[in-house]
Amino acid sequence: MQKEPFYVIGDVHGCFDTLCALIEKLPKKWDSKLIFTGDLIDRGTKSCEVIDLVIQNNYACVLGNHEELMLEYYHAIPQKGYNKIWISNGGYETMESYKNKGGLHKIHEHLDWLLTLPRFLLLEHPCENGFNPFITHGFGLPFFKEREEKQSELTWNRLKMHNIEKECKKDYGVFNIFGHDVQNQVLLTKNFAAIDTGCVYFKKLDNASLSALEWPSKKIYSQKYCG
């Protein structure tokens, strides 16, 4: 029996209205099976609303580096020093989004949910070449074999730290879908898709958009920033 397709959505960064508009473009709209690559929060103005939407619809999500920063700031996880940079990296806008949405009580409710997020998802749902999807926030392929031991790298590793041409030729046996690294458009290769298309950077990028990759077809849906 053929499995139902699902949609992996890149870094939302508090752009709630853009996310809603993108979901409306999907074939099954709000009944679609959605998975997020993390960084639901920060920089945009509606981070609280984004997390509420994901929780209320029981959508799946992996932990992004910005969620990790928030968890550290509120002492929900052991500190590595990242907590000091959260406010200046979009955390202020996130805190503001909670002001009229339940304040500190709502923040701690969301922190409890963030603590449940995995660093990766490896799903039994092969595409046409037999690769299963390996969903991470950062570029995860170099750490796939050591994914249980190198979980922090799955969140923080950047594609730009690697030779893209060489990585495209390697065979890891899985297909990595990730965000974290902003692209002008979805970067699709034989073994990975970088799907963060910079929605929140609408003031700097002419084509700032939020993108979703349909699995297993790898069809791309995009929505230009609209709030």
Foldseek 3Di string as FASTA:
>chain_A
DADDKAKEWEAQAQLVVQVQVLLCPDPVRLVGAYEYQENCHFLYQASLVSLVSCVVSVHAYAYAVLLVLLCVLVPVDDDPPSVVCNCVGGNVSVQNNCPPPPHPVSVVVSNVVSVPHHQWDFDDRAAPVGATEIRHAAPCQVCVVVCVPPSVCSRPPHPVVDDPVVVLPDCSRHAYEYEPDADCAWDDGPRYIHQQPQQSVVVPHVQRWMWMAIPPVRDIGIGHRDD
